Amino acid sequence: MEQQDAVLYTVDANGVATVTLNRPDKHNAFDDQLIARLTQLFQQAGQDPAVRLLILQANGRSFCAGADLNWMKRMANYSYEENLHDANALATMLHTLYSLPKPTIAKVQGAAFGGAVGLVACCDIAIASKLSKFCLSEVKLGLIPATISPYVVKALGARVAKRYFMTAEVFSSRRARRLGLISESVTEEELQPTVDALVEQLLSNGPQAVAAAKQLVFDVENQPLDEELLEKTSLRIATIRVSEEGQEGLNAFLQKRPAAWQEKA
């Protein structure tokens, strides 16, 4: 299958970009070519001013089974330098998704194993069906979940991550929600409507404000609560209040009318 067909990409009239893993016969497992294609599409969505948010989903019974078997067979014969190049490519793809300057939603059905857990952890919001299963399975192969670890540890916390990194236990959607990997666990029938409701909610908000709010979390996380941070956050709210979008939003609220971006949604 051509990599163009292995990942589908669409942008609708509302600016919703959808990236769909499309290797259902392979449980949407990824290889080096698929990683390169995903990186390209994430960059494209991030740079496209028409795109307001991104949904990552998959066709078939599984969300993603992690690394493709044929790719793993090739990797077994790679040199250290070739392995490092491969790992850097995966790390770049994950970071591109994680740092995308637009909201990202993972829509998860079926299995999400290995690197797929990293994809889920990189998204801002993750909705999974109650039948979904998750597993950080790398140690079963004598490996470690290294490139996905920064995002999974952020999602789960260090102590929980240690357990699942070391045990390679399969855990349920319900447990994934309790642990913070996913935002909601819903029935198969509720999966699409739940994502649709989130999309509608996000599109009702100021697009520049949404991007700035996401960046705000990156910038204040783990920072000391000191005078410098107070000054920086005060500067941000003052700046956005006098921005074109901020003025439009405030005036629309005071005048009891839809804001410009709401009329387009």
C-alpha atoms as a PDB file:
ATOM      1  CA  MET A   1       0.000   0.000   0.000  1.00  0.00           C
ATOM      2  CA  GLU A   2       1.250   3.472  -0.887  1.00  0.00           C
ATOM      3  CA  GLN A   3       1.970   5.637   2.133  1.00  0.00           C
ATOM      4  CA  GLN A   4      -0.454   8.226   0.733  1.00  0.00           C
ATOM      5  CA  ASP A   5      -3.177   5.595   1.158  1.00  0.00           C
ATOM      6  CA  ALA A   6      -1.816   4.280   4.468  1.00  0.00           C
ATOM      7  CA  VAL A   7      -2.646   7.651   6.049  1.00  0.00           C
ATOM      8  CA  LEU A   8      -5.658   9.670   4.901  1.00  0.00           C
ATOM      9  CA  TYR A   9      -5.842  13.443   5.354  1.00  0.00           C
ATOM     10  CA  THR A  10      -8.841  15.723   5.006  1.00  0.00           C
ATOM     11  CA  VAL A  11      -9.753  19.274   6.037  1.00  0.00           C
ATOM     12  CA  ASP A  12     -13.449  20.185   6.176  1.00  0.00           C
ATOM     13  CA  ALA A  13     -15.138  23.562   5.674  1.00  0.00           C
ATOM     14  CA  ASN A  14     -14.907  24.315   9.407  1.00  0.00           C
ATOM     15  CA  GLY A  15     -11.136  23.834   9.470  1.00  0.00           C
ATOM     16  CA  VAL A  16     -11.190  20.403  11.114  1.00  0.00           C
ATOM     17  CA  ALA A  17      -8.205  18.376   9.876  1.00  0.00           C
ATOM     18  CA  THR A  18      -8.550  14.610  10.205  1.00  0.00           C
ATOM     19  CA  VAL A  19      -5.573  12.267  10.026  1.00  0.00           C
ATOM     20  CA  THR A  20      -6.705   8.654   9.629  1.00  0.00           C
ATOM     21  CA  LEU A  21      -4.419   5.664   9.978  1.00  0.00           C
ATOM     22  CA  ASN A  22      -5.543   3.409   7.142  1.00  0.00           C
ATOM     23  CA  ARG A  23      -3.818   0.041   7.393  1.00  0.00           C
ATOM     24  CA  PRO A  24      -6.645  -1.948   9.027  1.00  0.00           C
ATOM     25  CA  ASP A  25      -5.266  -5.277   7.770  1.00  0.00           C
ATOM     26  CA  LYS A  26      -2.034  -4.510   9.675  1.00  0.00           C
ATOM     27  CA  HIS A  27      -3.871  -3.128  12.716  1.00  0.00           C
ATOM     28  CA  ASN A  28      -2.529   0.306  11.641  1.00  0.00           C
ATOM     29  CA  ALA A  29       1.002  -0.582  12.713  1.00  0.00           C
ATOM     30  CA  PHE A  30       3.556   1.986  11.616  1.00  0.00           C
ATOM     31  CA  ASP A  31       6.968   1.838   9.989  1.00  0.00           C
ATOM     32  CA  ASP A  32       9.582   4.390   8.984  1.00  0.00           C
ATOM     33  CA  GLN A  33       7.677   5.496   5.863  1.00  0.00           C
ATOM     34  CA  LEU A  34       4.438   5.926   7.780  1.00  0.00           C
ATOM     35  CA  ILE A  35       6.251   7.920  10.470  1.00  0.00           C
ATOM     36  CA  ALA A  36       7.643  10.247   7.795  1.00  0.00           C
ATOM     37  CA  ARG A  37       4.167  10.689   6.294  1.00  0.00           C
ATOM     38  CA  LEU A  38       2.608  11.449   9.688  1.00  0.00           C
ATOM     39  CA  THR A  39       5.319  14.011  10.412  1.00  0.00           C
ATOM     40  CA  GLN A  40       4.606  15.708   7.087  1.00  0.00           C
ATOM     41  CA  LEU A  41       0.854  15.818   7.712  1.00  0.00           C
ATOM     42  CA  PHE A  42       1.185  17.099  11.291  1.00  0.00           C
ATOM     43  CA  GLN A  43       3.492  19.861  10.069  1.00  0.00           C
ATOM     44  CA  GLN A  44       1.080  20.677   7.253  1.00  0.00           C
ATOM     45  CA  ALA A  45      -1.861  20.968   9.649  1.00  0.00           C
ATOM     46  CA  GLY A  46       0.141  23.062  12.080  1.00  0.00           C
ATOM     47  CA  GLN A  47       1.192  25.536   9.401  1.00  0.00           C
ATOM     48  CA  ASP A  48      -2.142  25.772   7.569  1.00  0.00           C
ATOM     49  CA  PRO A  49      -4.036  28.888   8.752  1.00  0.00           C
ATOM     50  CA  ALA A  50      -7.301  27.288   7.627  1.00  0.00           C
ATOM     51  CA  VAL A  51      -6.894  24.406  10.103  1.00  0.00           C
ATOM     52  CA  ARG A  52      -8.391  25.034  13.530  1.00  0.00           C
ATOM     53  CA  LEU A  53      -7.993  21.613  15.115  1.00  0.00           C
ATOM     54  CA  LEU A  54      -6.791  18.097  14.325  1.00  0.00           C
ATOM     55  CA  ILE A  55      -8.379  14.699  14.932  1.00  0.00           C
ATOM     56  CA  LEU A  56      -6.184  11.598  14.912  1.00  0.00           C
ATOM     57  CA  GLN A  57      -8.156   8.418  14.259  1.00  0.00           C
ATOM     58  CA  ALA A  58      -7.866   5.020  12.597  1.00  0.00           C
ATOM     59  CA  ASN A  59      -9.859   2.729  10.334  1.00  0.00           C
ATOM     60  CA  GLY A  60     -10.551  -0.862  11.307  1.00  0.00           C
ATOM     61  CA  ARG A  61     -10.749  -2.784  14.587  1.00  0.00           C
ATOM     62  CA  SER A  62      -7.529  -1.403  16.096  1.00  0.00           C
ATOM     63  CA  PHE A  63      -6.321   2.133  16.660  1.00  0.00           C
ATOM     64  CA  CYS A  64      -2.672   1.145  16.243  1.00  0.00           C
ATOM     65  CA  ALA A  65      -0.650  -1.952  17.117  1.00  0.00           C
ATOM     66  CA  GLY A  66       2.640  -0.042  17.400  1.00  0.00           C
ATOM     67  CA  ALA A  67       5.591  -1.020  15.233  1.00  0.00           C
ATOM     68  CA  ASP A  68       5.025  -2.952  12.015  1.00  0.00           C
ATOM     69  CA  LEU A  69       6.389  -6.526  12.037  1.00  0.00           C
ATOM     70  CA  ASN A  70       8.310  -6.153   8.778  1.00  0.00           C
ATOM     71  CA  TRP A  71       9.866  -2.925  10.038  1.00  0.00           C
ATOM     72  CA  MET A  72      10.904  -4.710  13.223  1.00  0.00           C
ATOM     73  CA  LYS A  73      12.531  -7.452  11.141  1.00  0.00           C
ATOM     74  CA  ARG A  74      14.550  -4.822   9.280  1.00  0.00           C
ATOM     75  CA  MET A  75      15.461  -3.049  12.523  1.00  0.00           C
ATOM     76  CA  ALA A  76      16.888  -6.264  13.915  1.00  0.00           C
ATOM     77  CA  ASN A  77      19.711  -5.954  11.379  1.00  0.00           C
ATOM     78  CA  TYR A  78      20.217  -2.193  11.680  1.00  0.00           C
ATOM     79  CA  SER A  79      23.498  -0.729  12.888  1.00  0.00           C
ATOM     80  CA  TYR A  80      23.581   1.590  15.890  1.00  0.00           C
ATOM     81  CA  GLU A  81      23.642   4.607  13.543  1.00  0.00           C
ATOM     82  CA  GLU A  82      20.637   3.333  11.577  1.00  0.00           C
ATOM     83  CA  ASN A  83      18.736   2.669  14.791  1.00  0.00           C
ATOM     84  CA  LEU A  84      19.534   6.170  16.031  1.00  0.00           C
ATOM     85  CA  HIS A  85      18.280   7.686  12.769  1.00  0.00           C
ATOM     86  CA  ASP A  86      15.046   5.691  13.050  1.00  0.00           C
ATOM     87  CA  ALA A  87      14.547   6.701  16.680  1.00  0.00           C
ATOM     88  CA  ASN A  88      15.138  10.370  15.887  1.00  0.00           C
ATOM     89  CA  ALA A  89      12.524  10.228  13.120  1.00  0.00           C
ATOM     90  CA  LEU A  90       9.950   8.791  15.527  1.00  0.00           C
ATOM     91  CA  ALA A  91      10.885  11.345  18.178  1.00  0.00           C
ATOM     92  CA  THR A  92      10.408  14.155  15.648  1.00  0.00           C
ATOM     93  CA  MET A  93       6.977  12.875  14.638  1.00  0.00           C
ATOM     94  CA  LEU A  94       5.800  12.605  18.244  1.00  0.00           C
ATOM     95  CA  HIS A  95       7.081  16.055  19.166  1.00  0.00           C
ATOM     96  CA  THR A  96       5.465  17.574  16.071  1.00  0.00           C
ATOM     97  CA  LEU A  97       2.107  16.184  17.188  1.00  0.00           C
ATOM     98  CA  TYR A  98       2.622  17.134  20.843  1.00  0.00           C
ATOM     99  CA  SER A  99       3.621  20.734  20.075  1.00  0.00           C
ATOM    100  CA  LEU A 100       1.102  21.329  17.274  1.00  0.00           C
ATOM    101  CA  PRO A 101      -0.206  24.914  17.728  1.00  0.00           C
ATOM    102  CA  LYS A 102      -3.814  23.707  17.342  1.00  0.00           C
ATOM    103  CA  PRO A 103      -6.000  21.505  19.566  1.00  0.00           C
ATOM    104  CA  THR A 104      -5.539  17.781  18.947  1.00  0.00           C
ATOM    105  CA  ILE A 105      -8.005  14.980  19.676  1.00  0.00           C
ATOM    106  CA  ALA A 106      -7.224  11.261  19.612  1.00  0.00           C
ATOM    107  CA  LYS A 107     -10.247   9.092  18.763  1.00  0.00           C
ATOM    108  CA  VAL A 108      -9.318   5.594  19.909  1.00  0.00           C
ATOM    109  CA  GLN A 109     -11.005   2.273  19.212  1.00  0.00           C
ATOM    110  CA  GLY A 110      -9.629  -1.219  19.751  1.00  0.00           C
ATOM    111  CA  ALA A 111      -6.006  -1.829  20.639  1.00  0.00           C
ATOM    112  CA  ALA A 112      -3.426   0.906  21.222  1.00  0.00           C
ATOM    113  CA  PHE A 113      -0.128  -0.856  21.891  1.00  0.00           C
ATOM    114  CA  GLY A 114       3.493   0.269  22.114  1.00  0.00           C
ATOM    115  CA  GLY A 115       4.144   3.470  20.199  1.00  0.00           C
ATOM    116  CA  ALA A 116       0.395   4.000  19.800  1.00  0.00           C
ATOM    117  CA  VAL A 117       0.224   4.871  23.495  1.00  0.00           C
ATOM    118  CA  GLY A 118       2.687   7.643  22.673  1.00  0.00           C
ATOM    119  CA  LEU A 119       0.390   8.969  19.932  1.00  0.00           C
ATOM    120  CA  VAL A 120      -2.501   9.056  22.394  1.00  0.00           C
ATOM    121  CA  ALA A 121      -0.394  10.752  25.070  1.00  0.00           C
ATOM    122  CA  CYS A 122       0.777  13.419  22.602  1.00  0.00           C
ATOM    123  CA  CYS A 123      -2.777  14.575  21.881  1.00  0.00           C
ATOM    124  CA  ASP A 124      -4.407  17.256  24.019  1.00  0.00           C
ATOM    125  CA  ILE A 125      -7.611  15.241  24.432  1.00  0.00           C
ATOM    126  CA  ALA A 126      -8.144  11.503  23.979  1.00  0.00           C
ATOM    127  CA  ILE A 127     -11.529   9.798  23.732  1.00  0.00           C
ATOM    128  CA  ALA A 128     -11.582   5.998  23.703  1.00  0.00           C
ATOM    129  CA  SER A 129     -14.240   3.333  23.437  1.00  0.00           C
ATOM    130  CA  LYS A 130     -14.818   1.141  26.465  1.00  0.00           C
ATOM    131  CA  LEU A 131     -13.553  -1.839  24.471  1.00  0.00           C
ATOM    132  CA  SER A 132     -10.148  -0.231  23.878  1.00  0.00           C
ATOM    133  CA  LYS A 133      -7.059  -1.876  25.354  1.00  0.00           C
ATOM    134  CA  PHE A 134      -3.692  -0.262  26.044  1.00  0.00           C
ATOM    135  CA  CYS A 135      -0.248  -1.756  26.536  1.00  0.00           C
ATOM    136  CA  LEU A 136       3.316  -0.471  26.793  1.00  0.00           C
ATOM    137  CA  SER A 137       4.630  -3.744  25.450  1.00  0.00           C
ATOM    138  CA  GLU A 138       8.256  -2.918  24.626  1.00  0.00           C
ATOM    139  CA  VAL A 139       9.934  -4.846  27.463  1.00  0.00           C
ATOM    140  CA  LYS A 140       8.349  -8.077  26.195  1.00  0.00           C
ATOM    141  CA  LEU A 141      10.742  -7.687  23.237  1.00  0.00           C
ATOM    142  CA  GLY A 142      13.688  -6.711  25.401  1.00  0.00           C
ATOM    143  CA  LEU A 143      13.223  -3.045  24.474  1.00  0.00           C
ATOM    144  CA  ILE A 144      12.051   0.134  26.254  1.00  0.00           C
ATOM    145  CA  PRO A 145       9.443   2.796  25.344  1.00  0.00           C
ATOM    146  CA  ALA A 146      12.124   5.450  25.114  1.00  0.00           C
ATOM    147  CA  THR A 147      10.934   7.927  22.467  1.00  0.00           C
ATOM    148  CA  ILE A 148       7.353   7.973  23.729  1.00  0.00           C
ATOM    149  CA  SER A 149       8.393   8.181  27.390  1.00  0.00           C
ATOM    150  CA  PRO A 150       8.376  12.006  27.810  1.00  0.00           C
ATOM    151  CA  TYR A 151       4.721  12.170  26.774  1.00  0.00           C
ATOM    152  CA  VAL A 152       3.521   9.018  28.509  1.00  0.00           C
ATOM    153  CA  VAL A 153       5.205   9.999  31.794  1.00  0.00           C
ATOM    154  CA  LYS A 154       3.550  13.438  31.565  1.00  0.00           C
ATOM    155  CA  ALA A 155       0.174  11.759  31.058  1.00  0.00           C
ATOM    156  CA  LEU A 156       0.474   8.996  33.666  1.00  0.00           C
ATOM    157  CA  GLY A 157       2.916  10.367  36.204  1.00  0.00           C
ATOM    158  CA  ALA A 158       6.262   8.804  37.046  1.00  0.00           C
ATOM    159  CA  ARG A 159       5.185   6.098  39.498  1.00  0.00           C
ATOM    160  CA  VAL A 160       2.348   4.764  37.352  1.00  0.00           C
ATOM    161  CA  ALA A 161       4.556   4.890  34.255  1.00  0.00           C
ATOM    162  CA  LYS A 162       7.202   2.782  35.995  1.00  0.00           C
ATOM    163  CA  ARG A 163       4.662   0.031  36.624  1.00  0.00           C
ATOM    164  CA  TYR A 164       3.368  -0.192  33.071  1.00  0.00           C
ATOM    165  CA  PHE A 165       6.776   0.350  31.469  1.00  0.00           C
ATOM    166  CA  MET A 166       8.146  -2.598  33.477  1.00  0.00           C
ATOM    167  CA  THR A 167       5.201  -5.007  33.517  1.00  0.00           C
ATOM    168  CA  ALA A 168       3.854  -4.569  29.951  1.00  0.00           C
ATOM    169  CA  GLU A 169       0.386  -5.279  31.382  1.00  0.00           C
ATOM    170  CA  VAL A 170      -2.613  -4.763  29.141  1.00  0.00           C
ATOM    171  CA  PHE A 171      -4.987  -2.267  30.765  1.00  0.00           C
ATOM    172  CA  SER A 172      -8.542  -1.261  30.002  1.00  0.00           C
ATOM    173  CA  SER A 173     -10.029   1.946  28.704  1.00  0.00           C
ATOM    174  CA  ARG A 174     -11.608   2.493  32.098  1.00  0.00           C
ATOM    175  CA  ARG A 175      -8.223   2.254  33.819  1.00  0.00           C
ATOM    176  CA  ALA A 176      -6.616   4.450  31.151  1.00  0.00           C
ATOM    177  CA  ARG A 177      -9.152   7.143  31.998  1.00  0.00           C
ATOM    178  CA  ARG A 178      -8.467   6.856  35.723  1.00  0.00           C
ATOM    179  CA  LEU A 179      -4.728   7.076  35.077  1.00  0.00           C
ATOM    180  CA  GLY A 180      -5.069  10.174  32.887  1.00  0.00           C
ATOM    181  CA  LEU A 181      -4.016   8.673  29.556  1.00  0.00           C
ATOM    182  CA  ILE A 182      -7.444   9.285  28.056  1.00  0.00           C
ATOM    183  CA  SER A 183     -10.021  11.958  28.859  1.00  0.00           C
ATOM    184  CA  GLU A 184     -13.185   9.885  28.496  1.00  0.00           C
ATOM    185  CA  SER A 185     -14.173   6.246  28.043  1.00  0.00           C
ATOM    186  CA  VAL A 186     -17.432   5.836  26.128  1.00  0.00           C
ATOM    187  CA  THR A 187     -19.381   3.142  24.310  1.00  0.00           C
ATOM    188  CA  GLU A 188     -18.659   2.399  20.663  1.00  0.00           C
ATOM    189  CA  GLU A 189     -21.880   4.189  19.720  1.00  0.00           C
ATOM    190  CA  GLU A 190     -20.939   7.274  21.752  1.00  0.00           C
ATOM    191  CA  LEU A 191     -17.408   7.594  20.376  1.00  0.00           C
ATOM    192  CA  GLN A 192     -18.159   9.696  17.287  1.00  0.00           C
ATOM    193  CA  PRO A 193     -20.840  11.899  18.936  1.00  0.00           C
ATOM    194  CA  THR A 194     -18.485  12.611  21.849  1.00  0.00           C
ATOM    195  CA  VAL A 195     -15.729  13.717  19.472  1.00  0.00           C
ATOM    196  CA  ASP A 196     -18.244  15.765  17.468  1.00  0.00           C
ATOM    197  CA  ALA A 197     -19.377  17.563  20.631  1.00  0.00           C
ATOM    198  CA  LEU A 198     -15.772  18.390  21.524  1.00  0.00           C
ATOM    199  CA  VAL A 199     -15.152  19.726  18.013  1.00  0.00           C
ATOM    200  CA  GLU A 200     -18.234  21.933  18.250  1.00  0.00           C
ATOM    201  CA  GLN A 201     -17.076  23.242  21.633  1.00  0.00           C
ATOM    202  CA  LEU A 202     -13.573  24.032  20.359  1.00  0.00           C
ATOM    203  CA  LEU A 203     -14.862  25.759  17.211  1.00  0.00           C
ATOM    204  CA  SER A 204     -17.044  28.055  19.344  1.00  0.00           C
ATOM    205  CA  ASN A 205     -13.917  29.556  20.922  1.00  0.00           C
ATOM    206  CA  GLY A 206     -11.488  32.145  19.573  1.00  0.00           C
ATOM    207  CA  PRO A 207      -8.907  30.269  17.460  1.00  0.00           C
ATOM    208  CA  GLN A 208      -6.002  32.493  18.467  1.00  0.00           C
ATOM    209  CA  ALA A 209      -7.063  32.312  22.107  1.00  0.00           C
ATOM    210  CA  VAL A 210      -7.247  28.508  21.940  1.00  0.00           C
ATOM    211  CA  ALA A 211      -3.707  28.333  20.517  1.00  0.00           C
ATOM    212  CA  ALA A 212      -2.475  30.807  23.143  1.00  0.00           C
ATOM    213  CA  ALA A 213      -4.183  28.817  25.918  1.00  0.00           C
ATOM    214  CA  LYS A 214      -2.416  25.640  24.799  1.00  0.00           C
ATOM    215  CA  GLN A 215       0.929  27.424  24.701  1.00  0.00           C
ATOM    216  CA  LEU A 216       0.208  28.902  28.130  1.00  0.00           C
ATOM    217  CA  VAL A 217       0.086  25.420  29.645  1.00  0.00           C
ATOM    218  CA  PHE A 218       3.445  24.524  28.079  1.00  0.00           C
ATOM    219  CA  ASP A 219       5.003  27.710  29.421  1.00  0.00           C
ATOM    220  CA  VAL A 220       3.708  27.700  33.005  1.00  0.00           C
ATOM    221  CA  GLU A 221       3.972  23.960  33.681  1.00  0.00           C
ATOM    222  CA  ASN A 222       6.509  23.206  36.422  1.00  0.00           C
ATOM    223  CA  GLN A 223       7.555  26.862  36.653  1.00  0.00           C
ATOM    224  CA  PRO A 224       8.137  28.391  40.106  1.00  0.00           C
ATOM    225  CA  LEU A 225       5.270  30.586  41.297  1.00  0.00           C
ATOM    226  CA  ASP A 226       7.368  33.734  41.581  1.00  0.00           C
ATOM    227  CA  GLU A 227       7.213  37.397  40.561  1.00  0.00           C
ATOM    228  CA  GLU A 228       8.610  36.632  37.105  1.00  0.00           C
ATOM    229  CA  LEU A 229       5.818  34.151  36.347  1.00  0.00           C
ATOM    230  CA  LEU A 230       3.160  36.536  37.683  1.00  0.00           C
ATOM    231  CA  GLU A 231       4.519  39.288  35.455  1.00  0.00           C
ATOM    232  CA  LYS A 232       4.625  37.042  32.388  1.00  0.00           C
ATOM    233  CA  THR A 233       1.045  35.822  32.830  1.00  0.00           C
ATOM    234  CA  SER A 234      -0.203  39.372  33.427  1.00  0.00           C
ATOM    235  CA  LEU A 235       1.560  40.463  30.238  1.00  0.00           C
ATOM    236  CA  ARG A 236      -0.172  37.723  28.270  1.00  0.00           C
ATOM    237  CA  ILE A 237      -3.708  38.580  29.362  1.00  0.00           C
ATOM    238  CA  ALA A 238      -3.100  42.292  28.772  1.00  0.00           C
ATOM    239  CA  THR A 239      -1.758  41.571  25.296  1.00  0.00           C
ATOM    240  CA  ILE A 240      -4.636  39.322  24.268  1.00  0.00           C
ATOM    241  CA  ARG A 241      -7.264  41.715  25.642  1.00  0.00           C
ATOM    242  CA  VAL A 242      -6.170  44.429  23.218  1.00  0.00           C
ATOM    243  CA  SER A 243      -5.681  42.026  20.291  1.00  0.00           C
ATOM    244  CA  GLU A 244      -8.138  42.054  17.389  1.00  0.00           C
ATOM    245  CA  GLU A 245      -9.607  38.700  18.416  1.00  0.00           C
ATOM    246  CA  GLY A 246      -9.754  39.677  22.081  1.00  0.00           C
ATOM    247  CA  GLN A 247     -11.587  42.898  21.251  1.00  0.00           C
ATOM    248  CA  GLU A 248     -14.014  41.055  18.966  1.00  0.00           C
ATOM    249  CA  GLY A 249     -14.735  38.458  21.644  1.00  0.00           C
ATOM    250  CA  LEU A 250     -15.299  40.997  24.407  1.00  0.00           C
ATOM    251  CA  ASN A 251     -17.491  43.220  22.245  1.00  0.00           C
ATOM    252  CA  ALA A 252     -19.516  40.247  21.000  1.00  0.00           C
ATOM    253  CA  PHE A 253     -20.146  39.180  24.593  1.00  0.00           C
ATOM    254  CA  LEU A 254     -21.140  42.678  25.708  1.00  0.00           C
ATOM    255  CA  GLN A 255     -23.350  43.182  22.643  1.00  0.00           C
ATOM    256  CA  LYS A 256     -24.916  39.722  23.062  1.00  0.00           C
ATOM    257  CA  ARG A 257     -24.079  38.601  19.527  1.00  0.00           C
ATOM    258  CA  PRO A 258     -22.040  35.722  18.087  1.00  0.00           C
ATOM    259  CA  ALA A 259     -18.325  36.425  17.659  1.00  0.00           C
ATOM    260  CA  ALA A 260     -16.959  36.418  14.120  1.00  0.00           C
ATOM    261  CA  TRP A 261     -15.439  32.925  14.434  1.00  0.00           C
ATOM    262  CA  GLN A 262     -18.738  31.518  15.750  1.00  0.00           C
ATOM    263  CA  GLU A 263     -20.615  32.753  12.690  1.00  0.00           C
ATOM    264  CA  LYS A 264     -18.167  30.830  10.463  1.00  0.00           C
ATOM    265  CA  ALA A 265     -18.371  27.589  12.431  1.00  0.00           C
END
